[in-house]
Amino acid sequence: MRQPLLALLAILAVLSLLWPRATVMPLSSYDQRFYLGIAYDLRQHGTFTDGFSYAGGGPATLRPPGMRFTPLYPAFLATAASFDPGLRRGIACVEATAGRDPGCPLAAPVARGAQFLMLLAFYWLLWIAIAGAMGSRRAGWIGLGTGLLAAPLLLLSVNTLMTETLTLVLSAAACTLAASAVRQPAATAWRTWLATGIALGLAILSRPAFLYLLYASLGCASLLLIRRPANRPAIARGVAAFATGAAMPVLPWVLRNAIVLHRAALSFGYASHTLVQRIAFDAMTPREYGLSFVCWLPDGSGLGRLIAGRHACDRFGWDEHADSFYSIGNGALMRQTLAAAGGWPHHMNYLVHHYLLAEPLRHLLVTIPLALRGLYVDHWWGALLAPFSLWAMLRAWRDRSSAASAWPVLLLSMPPWFLLVFNAAVAVNQPRYNLLLVLPFALAAALAVERRLPRHGGATLPPAVS
């Protein structure tokens, strides 16, 4: 236990040194008002609603139950506010001003303190995951040191009252547990697969995109069942435990939605809302498509202006320009498609049939620069490590039948990369959606360095079980 404790203390020291320097954004920034509004209704009326942003009204409004957002993060904020008068004042101000006042009280020591501990847990899981996957604690330290270079960025998420930090630690726990499960004897691994499913299920309750990671994981597991008949009983036990674990936190929420709102689903409305914002980018001209690769580089707007003129990158921004793709998707295209579809219940089907299936190649091509945009976690840090991570993942895929260490590397790498591409296909992708990439990026750095060092130089863990 000495080295894990040392790792924990080292992480605590680094994060404690950096945290006071991290910016605290106004509660009116980004999507914080969505979650704070739901937390207000949860505290005042004990009801999960769609919040003032989508259900309207003011502080005295008794809003109906809703399911536009998943419940875990609003519940976290409501619980934190029970112990935190500063956060209660901030939530009340956001509710009273419809989230438009940048001067709302910022104090939220309980919520941000809890998110700090979540980030501490994430980095500890990163150390454990890399050390375990490579059978070397030295590799764990190399990966941890590399990952901590991104700590200033992740601490911004700690100070922002949105889902990023919670989903980061839950998804990292799922990846770490999965990488551990494949190194365990088949007779006992089902317990770890059950825990893996629970962690992923909680991540799904924080951000619905993780539901598609569950679908992809079960699809891959089904292929393994077909292709590996000799291992079929062990694989089936693991898959059953994993699926059961994921269902445990998710099904109660789906049942609530079925009973209260007559819709047996995880959420309603927000998926098509984000998809239409994404579809707006498919209207790029060939010139704009080429510019997107430049403008979405880390600090690429300046380079884009230098190459193509002062306003070259304006359309790739947010709502600061009325003709930006985001503004169009969030405004005119949203209204047009909602009217044509006949409302939210039919919006997703309308978008799929009239846009995605109508021009799949165009959508696929635009997904490429949007994936690159989300890849640049912590600017050039992510841009530099991404090729190493992709190489490590592809090499592990090649060696998956012969090397026991290949599967842990794959299970730490493939989920973040899958989510990167998925986010680029269905949303206006950005680095904060892809913070989990810190894990495979740090792993890739550890692999690259560890293979060039003498084997006897690091304390080793027990070898992987094939």
Foldseek 3Di string as FASTA:
>chain_A
DVLLVVQLVVLVVLLVVQLVVADQFFCLPDCNLQLLQQLLLCLPPVARDRGCVPQNDASVDNGAHFQQAFDDLSVLLNVLVVVPVQSVQQSNVCRHVVSPDSPGRQDRCSQLVVLSVLVSLLLSLLLLLLQQLVQFSVLSVLLSVLLCVLSSVVSNVSSHSALLSVLLSLLSLLLSLQLVLLLDPLVPSLVSLLVSLLSLLVSCSRPVLSVVVLVVVLVVLVVCCVVPVVCNVSSVSSSVSNPVSNCVNQVVCLVCCCVRVVGSDNHFQNQLLFQLLLLLLLPDDPVLLVLLLQCLAQVSVVVQCVVPNDCSCVLVDAPPDCNRSNNCSNPVSVVVQCVVQVHRVRSVVSCCVVGCVVCVPSLLSQLVSLLVSQQQSVHVSSVVLVVLLVVLLVVLVVCVVPDSSSVSSNSLRVSLSVQSSVCSNRGSHHNSSRSSVSSSSSSSSSVVVVVVDDPVPGDGDDDGHD
